[in-house]
Amino acid sequence: MNDLISKMEILKLVAHPARIAILEELSKGVKCVSDFEEFLELSQPNISQHLAALRRTGIIDFFIDGRLRCYFLKNPLIIDLLEILKKDYPEDLPGPECCPVTKKGTYPGKRRK
């Protein structure tokens, strides 16, 4: 159960557009904060806050090279998660033909939203 809770925490933390963009870049290799400033429309302090949140949960880590903090992916789950997010699903799954318990009824198809 503890492993499931940690995965749920990862999903909650990753569920932010800036963090997904950061993780996609880190999946390509090591990056420093200035690298993220080039493509994210966020301030350096805001980027650093996102990086710190990802680091606190062990998703990423860093090493120091002179004055630079160089960030890299640490948790292998992230690579799989990013691949799933990139997939395109053109159709919904088909509805059931009937209730599996009573064996009656039919799925009406599209519903009003």
PDB file of N, CA and C in Angstrom:
ATOM      1  N   MET A   1       0.820  -1.193   0.000  1.00  0.00           N
ATOM      2  CA  MET A   1       0.000   0.000   0.000  1.00  0.00           C
ATOM      3  C   MET A   1       0.867   1.262   0.000  1.00  0.00           C
ATOM      4  N   ASN A   2       2.003   1.227   0.690  1.00  0.00           N
ATOM      5  CA  ASN A   2       2.887   2.378   0.759  1.00  0.00           C
ATOM      6  C   ASN A   2       3.404   2.761  -0.628  1.00  0.00           C
ATOM      7  N   ASP A   3       3.706   1.767  -1.472  1.00  0.00           N
ATOM      8  CA  ASP A   3       4.165   2.021  -2.838  1.00  0.00           C
ATOM      9  C   ASP A   3       3.070   2.713  -3.643  1.00  0.00           C
ATOM     10  N   LEU A   4       1.823   2.299  -3.440  1.00  0.00           N
ATOM     11  CA  LEU A   4       0.694   2.917  -4.137  1.00  0.00           C
ATOM     12  C   LEU A   4       0.539   4.371  -3.718  1.00  0.00           C
ATOM     13  N   ILE A   5       0.687   4.655  -2.442  1.00  0.00           N
ATOM     14  CA  ILE A   5       0.575   6.028  -1.951  1.00  0.00           C
ATOM     15  C   ILE A   5       1.679   6.895  -2.553  1.00  0.00           C
ATOM     16  N   SER A   6       2.904   6.381  -2.626  1.00  0.00           N
ATOM     17  CA  SER A   6       3.990   7.173  -3.198  1.00  0.00           C
ATOM     18  C   SER A   6       3.752   7.434  -4.687  1.00  0.00           C
ATOM     19  N   LYS A   7       3.176   6.485  -5.398  1.00  0.00           N
ATOM     20  CA  LYS A   7       2.851   6.710  -6.814  1.00  0.00           C
ATOM     21  C   LYS A   7       1.743   7.743  -6.961  1.00  0.00           C
ATOM     22  N   MET A   8       0.776   7.726  -6.043  1.00  0.00           N
ATOM     23  CA  MET A   8      -0.292   8.730  -6.083  1.00  0.00           C
ATOM     24  C   MET A   8       0.287  10.118  -5.813  1.00  0.00           C
ATOM     25  N   GLU A   9       1.228  10.213  -4.898  1.00  0.00           N
ATOM     26  CA  GLU A   9       1.874  11.493  -4.606  1.00  0.00           C
ATOM     27  C   GLU A   9       2.633  11.998  -5.836  1.00  0.00           C
ATOM     28  N   ILE A  10       3.296  11.095  -6.534  1.00  0.00           N
ATOM     29  CA  ILE A  10       4.013  11.465  -7.753  1.00  0.00           C
ATOM     30  C   ILE A  10       3.038  11.997  -8.790  1.00  0.00           C
ATOM     31  N   LEU A  11       1.911  11.313  -8.972  1.00  0.00           N
ATOM     32  CA  LEU A  11       0.925  11.766  -9.952  1.00  0.00           C
ATOM     33  C   LEU A  11       0.391  13.155  -9.607  1.00  0.00           C
ATOM     34  N   LYS A  12       0.120  13.396  -8.336  1.00  0.00           N
ATOM     35  CA  LYS A  12      -0.365  14.713  -7.923  1.00  0.00           C
ATOM     36  C   LYS A  12       0.683  15.783  -8.192  1.00  0.00           C
ATOM     37  N   LEU A  13       1.924  15.487  -7.903  1.00  0.00           N
ATOM     38  CA  LEU A  13       2.985  16.460  -8.074  1.00  0.00           C
ATOM     39  C   LEU A  13       3.259  16.751  -9.550  1.00  0.00           C
ATOM     40  N   VAL A  14       3.208  15.732 -10.356  1.00  0.00           N
ATOM     41  CA  VAL A  14       3.515  15.882 -11.782  1.00  0.00           C
ATOM     42  C   VAL A  14       2.377  16.576 -12.536  1.00  0.00           C
ATOM     43  N   ALA A  15       1.177  16.568 -11.992  1.00  0.00           N
ATOM     44  CA  ALA A  15       0.001  17.101 -12.682  1.00  0.00           C
ATOM     45  C   ALA A  15       0.014  18.628 -12.749  1.00  0.00           C
ATOM     46  N   HIS A  16       1.016  19.175 -13.390  1.00  0.00           N
ATOM     47  CA  HIS A  16       1.146  20.618 -13.596  1.00  0.00           C
ATOM     48  C   HIS A  16       1.868  20.810 -14.930  1.00  0.00           C
ATOM     49  N   PRO A  17       1.350  21.686 -15.795  1.00  0.00           N
ATOM     50  CA  PRO A  17       1.972  21.841 -17.122  1.00  0.00           C
ATOM     51  C   PRO A  17       3.460  22.183 -17.085  1.00  0.00           C
ATOM     52  N   ALA A  18       3.869  23.062 -16.172  1.00  0.00           N
ATOM     53  CA  ALA A  18       5.291  23.428 -16.101  1.00  0.00           C
ATOM     54  C   ALA A  18       6.141  22.235 -15.676  1.00  0.00           C
ATOM     55  N   ARG A  19       5.637  21.449 -14.740  1.00  0.00           N
ATOM     56  CA  ARG A  19       6.413  20.297 -14.266  1.00  0.00           C
ATOM     57  C   ARG A  19       6.504  19.216 -15.330  1.00  0.00           C
ATOM     58  N   ILE A  20       5.441  19.036 -16.087  1.00  0.00           N
ATOM     59  CA  ILE A  20       5.498  18.071 -17.198  1.00  0.00           C
ATOM     60  C   ILE A  20       6.534  18.533 -18.215  1.00  0.00           C
ATOM     61  N   ALA A  21       6.538  19.827 -18.537  1.00  0.00           N
ATOM     62  CA  ALA A  21       7.518  20.350 -19.493  1.00  0.00           C
ATOM     63  C   ALA A  21       8.941  20.174 -18.968  1.00  0.00           C
ATOM     64  N   ILE A  22       9.143  20.431 -17.689  1.00  0.00           N
ATOM     65  CA  ILE A  22      10.457  20.242 -17.077  1.00  0.00           C
ATOM     66  C   ILE A  22      10.884  18.781 -17.180  1.00  0.00           C
ATOM     67  N   LEU A  23       9.979  17.876 -16.840  1.00  0.00           N
ATOM     68  CA  LEU A  23      10.314  16.444 -16.873  1.00  0.00           C
ATOM     69  C   LEU A  23      10.566  15.959 -18.294  1.00  0.00           C
ATOM     70  N   GLU A  24       9.817  16.491 -19.262  1.00  0.00           N
ATOM     71  CA  GLU A  24      10.067  16.111 -20.660  1.00  0.00           C
ATOM     72  C   GLU A  24      11.471  16.533 -21.080  1.00  0.00           C
ATOM     73  N   GLU A  25      11.887  17.712 -20.671  1.00  0.00           N
ATOM     74  CA  GLU A  25      13.238  18.169 -21.004  1.00  0.00           C
ATOM     75  C   GLU A  25      14.291  17.311 -20.300  1.00  0.00           C
ATOM     76  N   LEU A  26      14.044  16.994 -19.040  1.00  0.00           N
ATOM     77  CA  LEU A  26      15.008  16.166 -18.306  1.00  0.00           C
ATOM     78  C   LEU A  26      15.082  14.748 -18.854  1.00  0.00           C
ATOM     79  N   SER A  27      14.008  14.289 -19.506  1.00  0.00           N
ATOM     80  CA  SER A  27      14.062  12.955 -20.115  1.00  0.00           C
ATOM     81  C   SER A  27      15.040  12.922 -21.290  1.00  0.00           C
ATOM     82  N   LYS A  28      15.392  14.103 -21.810  1.00  0.00           N
ATOM     83  CA  LYS A  28      16.357  14.204 -22.911  1.00  0.00           C
ATOM     84  C   LYS A  28      17.798  14.304 -22.407  1.00  0.00           C
ATOM     85  N   GLY A  29      17.937  14.615 -21.100  1.00  0.00           N
ATOM     86  CA  GLY A  29      19.281  14.728 -20.541  1.00  0.00           C
ATOM     87  C   GLY A  29      19.358  15.777 -19.446  1.00  0.00           C
ATOM     88  N   VAL A  30      20.542  15.969 -18.917  1.00  0.00           N
ATOM     89  CA  VAL A  30      20.794  16.891 -17.808  1.00  0.00           C
ATOM     90  C   VAL A  30      20.547  18.327 -18.253  1.00  0.00           C
ATOM     91  N   LYS A  31      19.910  19.121 -17.375  1.00  0.00           N
ATOM     92  CA  LYS A  31      19.622  20.524 -17.677  1.00  0.00           C
ATOM     93  C   LYS A  31      19.864  21.367 -16.424  1.00  0.00           C
ATOM     94  N   CYS A  32      20.206  22.659 -16.639  1.00  0.00           N
ATOM     95  CA  CYS A  32      20.295  23.597 -15.516  1.00  0.00           C
ATOM     96  C   CYS A  32      19.134  24.587 -15.622  1.00  0.00           C
ATOM     97  N   VAL A  33      18.957  25.417 -14.599  1.00  0.00           N
ATOM     98  CA  VAL A  33      17.807  26.321 -14.547  1.00  0.00           C
ATOM     99  C   VAL A  33      17.750  27.227 -15.771  1.00  0.00           C
ATOM    100  N   SER A  34      18.880  27.728 -16.208  1.00  0.00           N
ATOM    101  CA  SER A  34      18.887  28.624 -17.372  1.00  0.00           C
ATOM    102  C   SER A  34      18.387  27.922 -18.634  1.00  0.00           C
ATOM    103  N   ASP A  35      18.591  26.616 -18.738  1.00  0.00           N
ATOM    104  CA  ASP A  35      18.056  25.862 -19.877  1.00  0.00           C
ATOM    105  C   ASP A  35      16.533  25.906 -19.878  1.00  0.00           C
ATOM    106  N   PHE A  36      15.933  25.814 -18.697  1.00  0.00           N
ATOM    107  CA  PHE A  36      14.475  25.838 -18.601  1.00  0.00           C
ATOM    108  C   PHE A  36      13.929  27.232 -18.899  1.00  0.00           C
ATOM    109  N   GLU A  37      14.674  28.263 -18.531  1.00  0.00           N
ATOM    110  CA  GLU A  37      14.233  29.639 -18.789  1.00  0.00           C
ATOM    111  C   GLU A  37      14.082  29.912 -20.283  1.00  0.00           C
ATOM    112  N   GLU A  38      14.832  29.189 -21.104  1.00  0.00           N
ATOM    113  CA  GLU A  38      14.794  29.410 -22.549  1.00  0.00           C
ATOM    114  C   GLU A  38      13.454  29.017 -23.173  1.00  0.00           C
ATOM    115  N   PHE A  39      12.752  28.026 -22.604  1.00  0.00           N
ATOM    116  CA  PHE A  39      11.506  27.586 -23.234  1.00  0.00           C
ATOM    117  C   PHE A  39      10.278  27.720 -22.336  1.00  0.00           C
ATOM    118  N   LEU A  40      10.456  27.832 -21.030  1.00  0.00           N
ATOM    119  CA  LEU A  40       9.316  28.039 -20.137  1.00  0.00           C
ATOM    120  C   LEU A  40       9.103  29.537 -19.957  1.00  0.00           C
ATOM    121  N   GLU A  41       7.887  29.970 -20.004  1.00  0.00           N
ATOM    122  CA  GLU A  41       7.604  31.390 -19.795  1.00  0.00           C
ATOM    123  C   GLU A  41       7.364  31.644 -18.309  1.00  0.00           C
ATOM    124  N   LEU A  42       8.381  31.280 -17.508  1.00  0.00           N
ATOM    125  CA  LEU A  42       8.319  31.425 -16.062  1.00  0.00           C
ATOM    126  C   LEU A  42       9.592  32.102 -15.581  1.00  0.00           C
ATOM    127  N   SER A  43       9.492  32.748 -14.433  1.00  0.00           N
ATOM    128  CA  SER A  43      10.675  33.374 -13.847  1.00  0.00           C
ATOM    129  C   SER A  43      11.606  32.301 -13.288  1.00  0.00           C
ATOM    130  N   GLN A  44      12.862  32.681 -13.114  1.00  0.00           N
ATOM    131  CA  GLN A  44      13.837  31.745 -12.564  1.00  0.00           C
ATOM    132  C   GLN A  44      13.429  31.280 -11.172  1.00  0.00           C
ATOM    133  N   PRO A  45      12.938  32.167 -10.279  1.00  0.00           N
ATOM    134  CA  PRO A  45      12.501  31.680  -8.965  1.00  0.00           C
ATOM    135  C   PRO A  45      11.345  30.676  -9.046  1.00  0.00           C
ATOM    136  N   ASN A  46      10.411  30.897  -9.974  1.00  0.00           N
ATOM    137  CA  ASN A  46       9.282  29.973 -10.135  1.00  0.00           C
ATOM    138  C   ASN A  46       9.772  28.616 -10.632  1.00  0.00           C
ATOM    139  N   ILE A  47      10.673  28.615 -11.586  1.00  0.00           N
ATOM    140  CA  ILE A  47      11.255  27.364 -12.088  1.00  0.00           C
ATOM    141  C   ILE A  47      11.964  26.634 -10.949  1.00  0.00           C
ATOM    142  N   SER A  48      12.703  27.380 -10.149  1.00  0.00           N
ATOM    143  CA  SER A  48      13.419  26.769  -9.020  1.00  0.00           C
ATOM    144  C   SER A  48      12.453  26.144  -8.013  1.00  0.00           C
ATOM    145  N   GLN A  49      11.288  26.770  -7.817  1.00  0.00           N
ATOM    146  CA  GLN A  49      10.280  26.200  -6.916  1.00  0.00           C
ATOM    147  C   GLN A  49       9.766  24.870  -7.449  1.00  0.00           C
ATOM    148  N   HIS A  50       9.500  24.801  -8.754  1.00  0.00           N
ATOM    149  CA  HIS A  50       9.044  23.544  -9.356  1.00  0.00           C
ATOM    150  C   HIS A  50      10.122  22.466  -9.238  1.00  0.00           C
ATOM    151  N   LEU A  51      11.364  22.848  -9.506  1.00  0.00           N
ATOM    152  CA  LEU A  51      12.464  21.888  -9.397  1.00  0.00           C
ATOM    153  C   LEU A  51      12.613  21.390  -7.959  1.00  0.00           C
ATOM    154  N   ALA A  52      12.468  22.280  -6.990  1.00  0.00           N
ATOM    155  CA  ALA A  52      12.597  21.890  -5.583  1.00  0.00           C
ATOM    156  C   ALA A  52      11.494  20.907  -5.193  1.00  0.00           C
ATOM    157  N   ALA A  53      10.278  21.154  -5.661  1.00  0.00           N
ATOM    158  CA  ALA A  53       9.169  20.245  -5.348  1.00  0.00           C
ATOM    159  C   ALA A  53       9.415  18.865  -5.945  1.00  0.00           C
ATOM    160  N   LEU A  54       9.901  18.814  -7.169  1.00  0.00           N
ATOM    161  CA  LEU A  54      10.203  17.534  -7.819  1.00  0.00           C
ATOM    162  C   LEU A  54      11.352  16.825  -7.109  1.00  0.00           C
ATOM    163  N   ARG A  55      12.304  17.591  -6.632  1.00  0.00           N
ATOM    164  CA  ARG A  55      13.465  17.012  -5.946  1.00  0.00           C
ATOM    165  C   ARG A  55      13.098  16.468  -4.564  1.00  0.00           C
ATOM    166  N   ARG A  56      12.223  17.168  -3.851  1.00  0.00           N
ATOM    167  CA  ARG A  56      11.822  16.710  -2.508  1.00  0.00           C
ATOM    168  C   ARG A  56      11.200  15.319  -2.537  1.00  0.00           C
ATOM    169  N   THR A  57      10.523  14.981  -3.625  1.00  0.00           N
ATOM    170  CA  THR A  57       9.877  13.665  -3.710  1.00  0.00           C
ATOM    171  C   THR A  57      10.773  12.618  -4.356  1.00  0.00           C
ATOM    172  N   GLY A  58      11.982  12.993  -4.743  1.00  0.00           N
ATOM    173  CA  GLY A  58      12.910  12.021  -5.317  1.00  0.00           C
ATOM    174  C   GLY A  58      12.691  11.759  -6.795  1.00  0.00           C
ATOM    175  N   ILE A  59      11.886  12.589  -7.453  1.00  0.00           N
ATOM    176  CA  ILE A  59      11.656  12.417  -8.888  1.00  0.00           C
ATOM    177  C   ILE A  59      12.892  12.840  -9.670  1.00  0.00           C
ATOM    178  N   ILE A  60      13.527  13.923  -9.205  1.00  0.00           N
ATOM    179  CA  ILE A  60      14.750  14.414  -9.841  1.00  0.00           C
ATOM    180  C   ILE A  60      15.795  14.645  -8.756  1.00  0.00           C
ATOM    181  N   ASP A  61      17.022  14.900  -9.195  1.00  0.00           N
ATOM    182  CA  ASP A  61      18.089  15.290  -8.280  1.00  0.00           C
ATOM    183  C   ASP A  61      19.030  16.205  -9.053  1.00  0.00           C
ATOM    184  N   PHE A  62      20.075  16.687  -8.408  1.00  0.00           N
ATOM    185  CA  PHE A  62      21.016  17.569  -9.089  1.00  0.00           C
ATOM    186  C   PHE A  62      22.429  17.308  -8.606  1.00  0.00           C
ATOM    187  N   PHE A  63      23.385  17.811  -9.407  1.00  0.00           N
ATOM    188  CA  PHE A  63      24.770  17.876  -8.976  1.00  0.00           C
ATOM    189  C   PHE A  63      25.239  19.294  -9.261  1.00  0.00           C
ATOM    190  N   ILE A  64      26.303  19.701  -8.608  1.00  0.00           N
ATOM    191  CA  ILE A  64      26.801  21.066  -8.770  1.00  0.00           C
ATOM    192  C   ILE A  64      28.036  21.038  -9.655  1.00  0.00           C
ATOM    193  N   ASP A  65      27.999  21.916 -10.666  1.00  0.00           N
ATOM    194  CA  ASP A  65      29.119  22.072 -11.588  1.00  0.00           C
ATOM    195  C   ASP A  65      29.502  23.552 -11.557  1.00  0.00           C
ATOM    196  N   GLY A  66      30.488  23.878 -10.757  1.00  0.00           N
ATOM    197  CA  GLY A  66      30.849  25.288 -10.584  1.00  0.00           C
ATOM    198  C   GLY A  66      29.722  26.009  -9.863  1.00  0.00           C
ATOM    199  N   ARG A  67      29.132  26.996 -10.547  1.00  0.00           N
ATOM    200  CA  ARG A  67      28.012  27.741  -9.962  1.00  0.00           C
ATOM    201  C   ARG A  67      26.663  27.198 -10.414  1.00  0.00           C
ATOM    202  N   LEU A  68      26.661  26.202 -11.265  1.00  0.00           N
ATOM    203  CA  LEU A  68      25.416  25.665 -11.824  1.00  0.00           C
ATOM    204  C   LEU A  68      24.922  24.451 -11.056  1.00  0.00           C
ATOM    205  N   ARG A  69      23.611  24.382 -10.921  1.00  0.00           N
ATOM    206  CA  ARG A  69      22.970  23.151 -10.445  1.00  0.00           C
ATOM    207  C   ARG A  69      22.458  22.443 -11.687  1.00  0.00           C
ATOM    208  N   CYS A  70      22.935  21.247 -11.901  1.00  0.00           N
ATOM    209  CA  CYS A  70      22.554  20.473 -13.076  1.00  0.00           C
ATOM    210  C   CYS A  70      21.568  19.388 -12.644  1.00  0.00           C
ATOM    211  N   TYR A  71      20.339  19.451 -13.173  1.00  0.00           N
ATOM    212  CA  TYR A  71      19.262  18.553 -12.758  1.00  0.00           C
ATOM    213  C   TYR A  71      19.152  17.361 -13.701  1.00  0.00           C
ATOM    214  N   PHE A  72      18.725  16.228 -13.132  1.00  0.00           N
ATOM    215  CA  PHE A  72      18.536  15.012 -13.925  1.00  0.00           C
ATOM    216  C   PHE A  72      17.394  14.196 -13.326  1.00  0.00           C
ATOM    217  N   LEU A  73      16.780  13.352 -14.168  1.00  0.00           N
ATOM    218  CA  LEU A  73      15.716  12.455 -13.706  1.00  0.00           C
ATOM    219  C   LEU A  73      16.315  11.369 -12.827  1.00  0.00           C
ATOM    220  N   LYS A  74      15.573  11.015 -11.796  1.00  0.00           N
ATOM    221  CA  LYS A  74      16.031   9.965 -10.888  1.00  0.00           C
ATOM    222  C   LYS A  74      15.033   8.809 -10.835  1.00  0.00           C
ATOM    223  N   ASN A  75      13.740   9.100 -10.875  1.00  0.00           N
ATOM    224  CA  ASN A  75      12.707   8.077 -10.739  1.00  0.00           C
ATOM    225  C   ASN A  75      12.345   7.509 -12.128  1.00  0.00           C
ATOM    226  N   PRO A  76      12.540   6.217 -12.361  1.00  0.00           N
ATOM    227  CA  PRO A  76      12.274   5.633 -13.681  1.00  0.00           C
ATOM    228  C   PRO A  76      10.792   5.625 -14.071  1.00  0.00           C
ATOM    229  N   LEU A  77       9.896   5.738 -13.103  1.00  0.00           N
ATOM    230  CA  LEU A  77       8.462   5.789 -13.399  1.00  0.00           C
ATOM    231  C   LEU A  77       8.124   6.964 -14.318  1.00  0.00           C
ATOM    232  N   ILE A  78       8.872   8.043 -14.204  1.00  0.00           N
ATOM    233  CA  ILE A  78       8.585   9.260 -14.963  1.00  0.00           C
ATOM    234  C   ILE A  78       8.700   9.022 -16.469  1.00  0.00           C
ATOM    235  N   ILE A  79       9.677   8.262 -16.892  1.00  0.00           N
ATOM    236  CA  ILE A  79       9.841   7.973 -18.320  1.00  0.00           C
ATOM    237  C   ILE A  79       8.591   7.272 -18.861  1.00  0.00           C
ATOM    238  N   ASP A  80       8.101   6.268 -18.140  1.00  0.00           N
ATOM    239  CA  ASP A  80       6.890   5.557 -18.560  1.00  0.00           C
ATOM    240  C   ASP A  80       5.679   6.489 -18.549  1.00  0.00           C
ATOM    241  N   LEU A  81       5.582   7.309 -17.533  1.00  0.00           N
ATOM    242  CA  LEU A  81       4.463   8.237 -17.410  1.00  0.00           C
ATOM    243  C   LEU A  81       4.436   9.226 -18.572  1.00  0.00           C
ATOM    244  N   LEU A  82       5.587   9.761 -18.929  1.00  0.00           N
ATOM    245  CA  LEU A  82       5.666  10.699 -20.055  1.00  0.00           C
ATOM    246  C   LEU A  82       5.279  10.028 -21.374  1.00  0.00           C
ATOM    247  N   GLU A  83       5.679   8.769 -21.546  1.00  0.00           N
ATOM    248  CA  GLU A  83       5.308   8.045 -22.769  1.00  0.00           C
ATOM    249  C   GLU A  83       3.799   7.858 -22.863  1.00  0.00           C
ATOM    250  N   ILE A  84       3.166   7.545 -21.755  1.00  0.00           N
ATOM    251  CA  ILE A  84       1.703   7.389 -21.743  1.00  0.00           C
ATOM    252  C   ILE A  84       1.032   8.711 -22.093  1.00  0.00           C
ATOM    253  N   LEU A  85       1.534   9.816 -21.546  1.00  0.00           N
ATOM    254  CA  LEU A  85       0.932  11.122 -21.815  1.00  0.00           C
ATOM    255  C   LEU A  85       1.068  11.543 -23.274  1.00  0.00           C
ATOM    256  N   LYS A  86       2.077  11.021 -23.962  1.00  0.00           N
ATOM    257  CA  LYS A  86       2.285  11.357 -25.377  1.00  0.00           C
ATOM    258  C   LYS A  86       1.368  10.572 -26.314  1.00  0.00           C
ATOM    259  N   LYS A  87       0.809   9.457 -25.835  1.00  0.00           N
ATOM    260  CA  LYS A  87      -0.027   8.620 -26.692  1.00  0.00           C
ATOM    261  C   LYS A  87      -1.301   9.334 -27.104  1.00  0.00           C
ATOM    262  N   ASP A  88      -1.751   9.020 -28.293  1.00  0.00           N
ATOM    263  CA  ASP A  88      -3.007   9.565 -28.803  1.00  0.00           C
ATOM    264  C   ASP A  88      -4.021   8.433 -28.877  1.00  0.00           C
ATOM    265  N   TYR A  89      -5.152   8.642 -28.257  1.00  0.00           N
ATOM    266  CA  TYR A  89      -6.212   7.646 -28.250  1.00  0.00           C
ATOM    267  C   TYR A  89      -7.374   8.211 -29.066  1.00  0.00           C
ATOM    268  N   PRO A  90      -7.530   7.784 -30.318  1.00  0.00           N
ATOM    269  CA  PRO A  90      -8.537   8.393 -31.195  1.00  0.00           C
ATOM    270  C   PRO A  90      -9.981   8.077 -30.805  1.00  0.00           C
ATOM    271  N   GLU A  91     -10.207   7.002 -30.094  1.00  0.00           N
ATOM    272  CA  GLU A  91     -11.576   6.619 -29.753  1.00  0.00           C
ATOM    273  C   GLU A  91     -11.672   6.204 -28.291  1.00  0.00           C
ATOM    274  N   ASP A  92     -12.902   6.322 -27.749  1.00  0.00           N
ATOM    275  CA  ASP A  92     -13.171   5.800 -26.410  1.00  0.00           C
ATOM    276  C   ASP A  92     -13.245   4.277 -26.477  1.00  0.00           C
ATOM    277  N   LEU A  93     -13.141   3.650 -25.333  1.00  0.00           N
ATOM    278  CA  LEU A  93     -13.363   2.206 -25.263  1.00  0.00           C
ATOM    279  C   LEU A  93     -14.845   1.939 -25.552  1.00  0.00           C
ATOM    280  N   PRO A  94     -15.167   0.802 -26.143  1.00  0.00           N
ATOM    281  CA  PRO A  94     -16.582   0.517 -26.422  1.00  0.00           C
ATOM    282  C   PRO A  94     -17.366   0.285 -25.142  1.00  0.00           C
ATOM    283  N   GLY A  95     -18.625   0.677 -25.157  1.00  0.00           N
ATOM    284  CA  GLY A  95     -19.501   0.455 -24.007  1.00  0.00           C
ATOM    285  C   GLY A  95     -19.895  -1.013 -23.909  1.00  0.00           C
ATOM    286  N   PRO A  96     -20.361  -1.432 -22.745  1.00  0.00           N
ATOM    287  CA  PRO A  96     -20.774  -2.836 -22.586  1.00  0.00           C
ATOM    288  C   PRO A  96     -22.068  -3.109 -23.346  1.00  0.00           C
ATOM    289  N   GLU A  97     -22.261  -4.358 -23.725  1.00  0.00           N
ATOM    290  CA  GLU A  97     -23.484  -4.732 -24.431  1.00  0.00           C
ATOM    291  C   GLU A  97     -24.660  -4.826 -23.481  1.00  0.00           C
ATOM    292  N   CYS A  98     -24.377  -5.226 -22.233  1.00  0.00           N
ATOM    293  CA  CYS A  98     -25.443  -5.303 -21.235  1.00  0.00           C
ATOM    294  C   CYS A  98     -24.820  -5.302 -19.842  1.00  0.00           C
ATOM    295  N   CYS A  99     -25.650  -5.314 -18.829  1.00  0.00           N
ATOM    296  CA  CYS A  99     -25.174  -5.367 -17.449  1.00  0.00           C
ATOM    297  C   CYS A  99     -24.569  -6.754 -17.198  1.00  0.00           C
ATOM    298  N   PRO A 100     -23.344  -6.818 -16.670  1.00  0.00           N
ATOM    299  CA  PRO A 100     -22.720  -8.125 -16.444  1.00  0.00           C
ATOM    300  C   PRO A 100     -23.398  -8.941 -15.334  1.00  0.00           C
ATOM    301  N   VAL A 101     -24.176  -8.300 -14.482  1.00  0.00           N
ATOM    302  CA  VAL A 101     -24.831  -9.004 -13.389  1.00  0.00           C
ATOM    303  C   VAL A 101     -26.195  -9.524 -13.810  1.00  0.00           C
ATOM    304  N   THR A 102     -27.047  -8.620 -14.324  1.00  0.00           N
ATOM    305  CA  THR A 102     -28.418  -9.024 -14.670  1.00  0.00           C
ATOM    306  C   THR A 102     -28.539  -9.559 -16.087  1.00  0.00           C
ATOM    307  N   LYS A 103     -27.534  -9.286 -16.908  1.00  0.00           N
ATOM    308  CA  LYS A 103     -27.537  -9.664 -18.329  1.00  0.00           C
ATOM    309  C   LYS A 103     -28.696  -8.990 -19.073  1.00  0.00           C
ATOM    310  N   LYS A 104     -29.130  -7.833 -18.575  1.00  0.00           N
ATOM    311  CA  LYS A 104     -30.206  -7.080 -19.213  1.00  0.00           C
ATOM    312  C   LYS A 104     -29.714  -5.667 -19.485  1.00  0.00           C
ATOM    313  N   GLY A 105     -30.530  -4.933 -20.197  1.00  0.00           N
ATOM    314  CA  GLY A 105     -30.217  -3.538 -20.489  1.00  0.00           C
ATOM    315  C   GLY A 105     -29.178  -3.425 -21.575  1.00  0.00           C
ATOM    316  N   THR A 106     -29.119  -2.237 -22.149  1.00  0.00           N
ATOM    317  CA  THR A 106     -28.124  -1.971 -23.182  1.00  0.00           C
ATOM    318  C   THR A 106     -27.560  -0.574 -22.959  1.00  0.00           C
ATOM    319  N   TYR A 107     -26.341  -0.400 -23.354  1.00  0.00           N
ATOM    320  CA  TYR A 107     -25.681   0.902 -23.250  1.00  0.00           C
ATOM    321  C   TYR A 107     -26.252   1.777 -24.354  1.00  0.00           C
ATOM    322  N   PRO A 108     -26.756   2.959 -24.018  1.00  0.00           N
ATOM    323  CA  PRO A 108     -27.409   3.795 -25.034  1.00  0.00           C
ATOM    324  C   PRO A 108     -26.465   4.486 -25.991  1.00  0.00           C
ATOM    325  N   GLY A 109     -25.189   4.449 -25.747  1.00  0.00           N
ATOM    326  CA  GLY A 109     -24.257   5.155 -26.609  1.00  0.00           C
ATOM    327  C   GLY A 109     -23.939   6.521 -26.034  1.00  0.00           C
ATOM    328  N   LYS A 110     -23.897   7.531 -26.872  1.00  0.00           N
ATOM    329  CA  LYS A 110     -23.513   8.871 -26.407  1.00  0.00           C
ATOM    330  C   LYS A 110     -24.570   9.443 -25.457  1.00  0.00           C
ATOM    331  N   ARG A 111     -24.075  10.165 -24.484  1.00  0.00           N
ATOM    332  CA  ARG A 111     -24.939  10.841 -23.511  1.00  0.00           C
ATOM    333  C   ARG A 111     -24.728  12.344 -23.636  1.00  0.00           C
ATOM    334  N   ARG A 112     -25.742  13.063 -23.188  1.00  0.00           N
ATOM    335  CA  ARG A 112     -25.597  14.516 -23.133  1.00  0.00           C
ATOM    336  C   ARG A 112     -24.615  14.840 -22.014  1.00  0.00           C
ATOM    337  N   LYS A 113     -23.856  15.879 -22.207  1.00  0.00           N
ATOM    338  CA  LYS A 113     -22.884  16.278 -21.172  1.00  0.00           C
ATOM    339  C   LYS A 113     -23.407  17.419 -20.368  1.00  0.00           C
TER     340      LYS A 113
END
